[in-house]
């Protein structure tokens, strides 16, 4: 299980990865945060993010199940490969759209 405080992976402005090797991981976590906060705000979200794992060097075909924990962290799990994790430190970041209020918009 991944347990991630995303702020530790971000640049000083907290708008992107703190190092080039974190670019794809931060992008995936940003996608999870955006999806979770949009859905929690009753915005139209489309399909959940795809799993990024590559079991046996083949892309997993799963879509993540995402929800909030009791202590307001974001939990995800892939129903196919069982990859899972918790994201903390997401409040107030640019991907947190909890306060977004525009009806009938699709968030990607």
C-alpha atoms as a PDB file:
ATOM      1  CA  UNK A   1       0.000   0.000   0.000  1.00  0.00           C
ATOM      2  CA  UNK A   2       1.159   3.478  -0.903  1.00  0.00           C
ATOM      3  CA  UNK A   3       0.855   6.094   1.856  1.00  0.00           C
ATOM      4  CA  UNK A   4       1.669   9.467   0.344  1.00  0.00           C
ATOM      5  CA  UNK A   5       1.695  13.024   1.622  1.00  0.00           C
ATOM      6  CA  UNK A   6       1.656  14.597  -1.818  1.00  0.00           C
ATOM      7  CA  UNK A   7       3.191  17.852  -0.533  1.00  0.00           C
ATOM      8  CA  UNK A   8       6.488  15.987  -0.105  1.00  0.00           C
ATOM      9  CA  UNK A   9       6.532  15.246  -3.841  1.00  0.00           C
ATOM     10  CA  UNK A  10       5.736  18.800  -5.016  1.00  0.00           C
ATOM     11  CA  UNK A  11       7.799  21.840  -5.946  1.00  0.00           C
ATOM     12  CA  UNK A  12       7.929  24.898  -3.655  1.00  0.00           C
ATOM     13  CA  UNK A  13       4.866  26.429  -5.346  1.00  0.00           C
ATOM     14  CA  UNK A  14       2.955  23.136  -4.872  1.00  0.00           C
ATOM     15  CA  UNK A  15       1.881  23.193  -8.524  1.00  0.00           C
ATOM     16  CA  UNK A  16       3.914  20.339  -9.955  1.00  0.00           C
ATOM     17  CA  UNK A  17       6.538  17.702  -9.232  1.00  0.00           C
ATOM     18  CA  UNK A  18       9.489  18.576  -7.053  1.00  0.00           C
ATOM     19  CA  UNK A  19      11.830  16.511  -9.234  1.00  0.00           C
ATOM     20  CA  UNK A  20      11.670  15.326 -12.868  1.00  0.00           C
ATOM     21  CA  UNK A  21      11.451  11.659 -11.876  1.00  0.00           C
ATOM     22  CA  UNK A  22       8.193  12.402  -9.982  1.00  0.00           C
ATOM     23  CA  UNK A  23       6.380  13.870 -12.992  1.00  0.00           C
ATOM     24  CA  UNK A  24       4.241  10.847 -13.896  1.00  0.00           C
ATOM     25  CA  UNK A  25       3.512   9.929 -10.269  1.00  0.00           C
ATOM     26  CA  UNK A  26       2.389  13.476  -9.403  1.00  0.00           C
ATOM     27  CA  UNK A  27       0.237  13.573 -12.554  1.00  0.00           C
ATOM     28  CA  UNK A  28      -1.501  10.340 -11.543  1.00  0.00           C
ATOM     29  CA  UNK A  29      -2.044  11.511  -7.970  1.00  0.00           C
ATOM     30  CA  UNK A  30      -3.385  14.828  -9.291  1.00  0.00           C
ATOM     31  CA  UNK A  31      -5.839  12.875 -11.446  1.00  0.00           C
ATOM     32  CA  UNK A  32      -7.014  10.920  -8.387  1.00  0.00           C
ATOM     33  CA  UNK A  33      -7.387  14.098  -6.279  1.00  0.00           C
ATOM     34  CA  UNK A  34      -9.327  15.879  -9.030  1.00  0.00           C
ATOM     35  CA  UNK A  35     -11.632  12.914  -9.567  1.00  0.00           C
ATOM     36  CA  UNK A  36     -12.295  12.390  -5.843  1.00  0.00           C
ATOM     37  CA  UNK A  37     -12.946  16.044  -5.033  1.00  0.00           C
ATOM     38  CA  UNK A  38     -15.087  16.585  -8.141  1.00  0.00           C
ATOM     39  CA  UNK A  39     -17.243  13.565  -7.407  1.00  0.00           C
ATOM     40  CA  UNK A  40     -17.544  14.593  -3.760  1.00  0.00           C
ATOM     41  CA  UNK A  41     -18.766  18.027  -4.946  1.00  0.00           C
ATOM     42  CA  UNK A  42     -21.392  16.325  -7.160  1.00  0.00           C
ATOM     43  CA  UNK A  43     -19.680  17.391 -10.385  1.00  0.00           C
ATOM     44  CA  UNK A  44     -19.863  15.202 -13.494  1.00  0.00           C
ATOM     45  CA  UNK A  45     -16.606  13.265 -13.543  1.00  0.00           C
ATOM     46  CA  UNK A  46     -16.785  10.567 -16.199  1.00  0.00           C
ATOM     47  CA  UNK A  47     -14.937   7.304 -15.674  1.00  0.00           C
ATOM     48  CA  UNK A  48     -12.575   6.852 -12.717  1.00  0.00           C
ATOM     49  CA  UNK A  49      -8.833   7.058 -13.428  1.00  0.00           C
ATOM     50  CA  UNK A  50      -7.142   4.003 -14.900  1.00  0.00           C
ATOM     51  CA  UNK A  51      -4.725   1.951 -12.863  1.00  0.00           C
ATOM     52  CA  UNK A  52      -1.075   2.730 -13.624  1.00  0.00           C
ATOM     53  CA  UNK A  53       0.439  -0.554 -12.498  1.00  0.00           C
ATOM     54  CA  UNK A  54       2.122  -2.933 -14.914  1.00  0.00           C
ATOM     55  CA  UNK A  55       1.888  -6.420 -13.389  1.00  0.00           C
ATOM     56  CA  UNK A  56       4.145  -8.803 -15.324  1.00  0.00           C
ATOM     57  CA  UNK A  57       5.132  -5.820 -17.529  1.00  0.00           C
ATOM     58  CA  UNK A  58       1.629  -5.551 -18.991  1.00  0.00           C
ATOM     59  CA  UNK A  59      -0.657  -2.582 -18.314  1.00  0.00           C
ATOM     60  CA  UNK A  60      -3.361  -3.273 -15.769  1.00  0.00           C
ATOM     61  CA  UNK A  61      -6.832  -2.778 -17.269  1.00  0.00           C
ATOM     62  CA  UNK A  62      -8.499  -1.745 -14.000  1.00  0.00           C
ATOM     63  CA  UNK A  63     -10.262   1.494 -13.115  1.00  0.00           C
ATOM     64  CA  UNK A  64      -9.608   2.750  -9.607  1.00  0.00           C
ATOM     65  CA  UNK A  65     -12.203   2.668  -6.855  1.00  0.00           C
ATOM     66  CA  UNK A  66     -11.724   5.957  -4.994  1.00  0.00           C
ATOM     67  CA  UNK A  67     -13.272   7.252  -1.783  1.00  0.00           C
ATOM     68  CA  UNK A  68     -12.506   9.355   1.286  1.00  0.00           C
ATOM     69  CA  UNK A  69     -11.425   7.775   4.558  1.00  0.00           C
ATOM     70  CA  UNK A  70     -12.912   8.735   7.921  1.00  0.00           C
ATOM     71  CA  UNK A  71      -9.977  11.085   8.507  1.00  0.00           C
ATOM     72  CA  UNK A  72     -10.531  12.818   5.118  1.00  0.00           C
ATOM     73  CA  UNK A  73      -7.680  11.234   3.202  1.00  0.00           C
ATOM     74  CA  UNK A  74      -8.206   9.859  -0.306  1.00  0.00           C
ATOM     75  CA  UNK A  75      -8.057   6.081  -0.648  1.00  0.00           C
ATOM     76  CA  UNK A  76      -7.803   4.216  -3.953  1.00  0.00           C
ATOM     77  CA  UNK A  77      -7.713   0.560  -4.881  1.00  0.00           C
ATOM     78  CA  UNK A  78      -7.605  -1.219  -8.223  1.00  0.00           C
ATOM     79  CA  UNK A  79     -10.141  -4.077  -8.361  1.00  0.00           C
ATOM     80  CA  UNK A  80      -7.961  -5.971 -10.867  1.00  0.00           C
ATOM     81  CA  UNK A  81      -4.424  -5.884  -9.429  1.00  0.00           C
ATOM     82  CA  UNK A  82      -5.203  -4.745  -5.840  1.00  0.00           C
ATOM     83  CA  UNK A  83      -2.775  -1.809  -5.983  1.00  0.00           C
ATOM     84  CA  UNK A  84      -3.947   0.630  -3.345  1.00  0.00           C
ATOM     85  CA  UNK A  85      -2.922   3.728  -1.503  1.00  0.00           C
ATOM     86  CA  UNK A  86      -3.804   6.761   0.559  1.00  0.00           C
ATOM     87  CA  UNK A  87      -3.180  10.393  -0.370  1.00  0.00           C
ATOM     88  CA  UNK A  88      -2.796  12.973   2.362  1.00  0.00           C
ATOM     89  CA  UNK A  89      -1.949  16.671   2.126  1.00  0.00           C
ATOM     90  CA  UNK A  90      -4.262  17.318  -0.841  1.00  0.00           C
ATOM     91  CA  UNK A  91      -6.402  20.050   0.757  1.00  0.00           C
ATOM     92  CA  UNK A  92      -6.004  23.442  -0.930  1.00  0.00           C
ATOM     93  CA  UNK A  93      -3.826  22.233  -3.798  1.00  0.00           C
ATOM     94  CA  UNK A  94      -4.637  23.259  -7.375  1.00  0.00           C
ATOM     95  CA  UNK A  95      -6.208  19.833  -7.998  1.00  0.00           C
ATOM     96  CA  UNK A  96      -8.580  20.151  -5.044  1.00  0.00           C
ATOM     97  CA  UNK A  97     -11.830  21.325  -6.601  1.00  0.00           C
ATOM     98  CA  UNK A  98     -13.964  20.840  -3.504  1.00  0.00           C
ATOM     99  CA  UNK A  99     -15.206  24.420  -3.709  1.00  0.00           C
ATOM    100  CA  UNK A 100     -15.803  24.399  -7.477  1.00  0.00           C
ATOM    101  CA  UNK A 101     -19.422  25.309  -8.245  1.00  0.00           C
ATOM    102  CA  UNK A 102     -20.188  25.216 -11.968  1.00  0.00           C
ATOM    103  CA  UNK A 103     -23.030  22.832 -12.822  1.00  0.00           C
ATOM    104  CA  UNK A 104     -23.076  20.549 -15.855  1.00  0.00           C
ATOM    105  CA  UNK A 105     -19.330  20.682 -16.465  1.00  0.00           C
ATOM    106  CA  UNK A 106     -17.282  17.577 -17.033  1.00  0.00           C
ATOM    107  CA  UNK A 107     -14.009  17.492 -15.091  1.00  0.00           C
ATOM    108  CA  UNK A 108     -11.112  15.555 -16.647  1.00  0.00           C
END
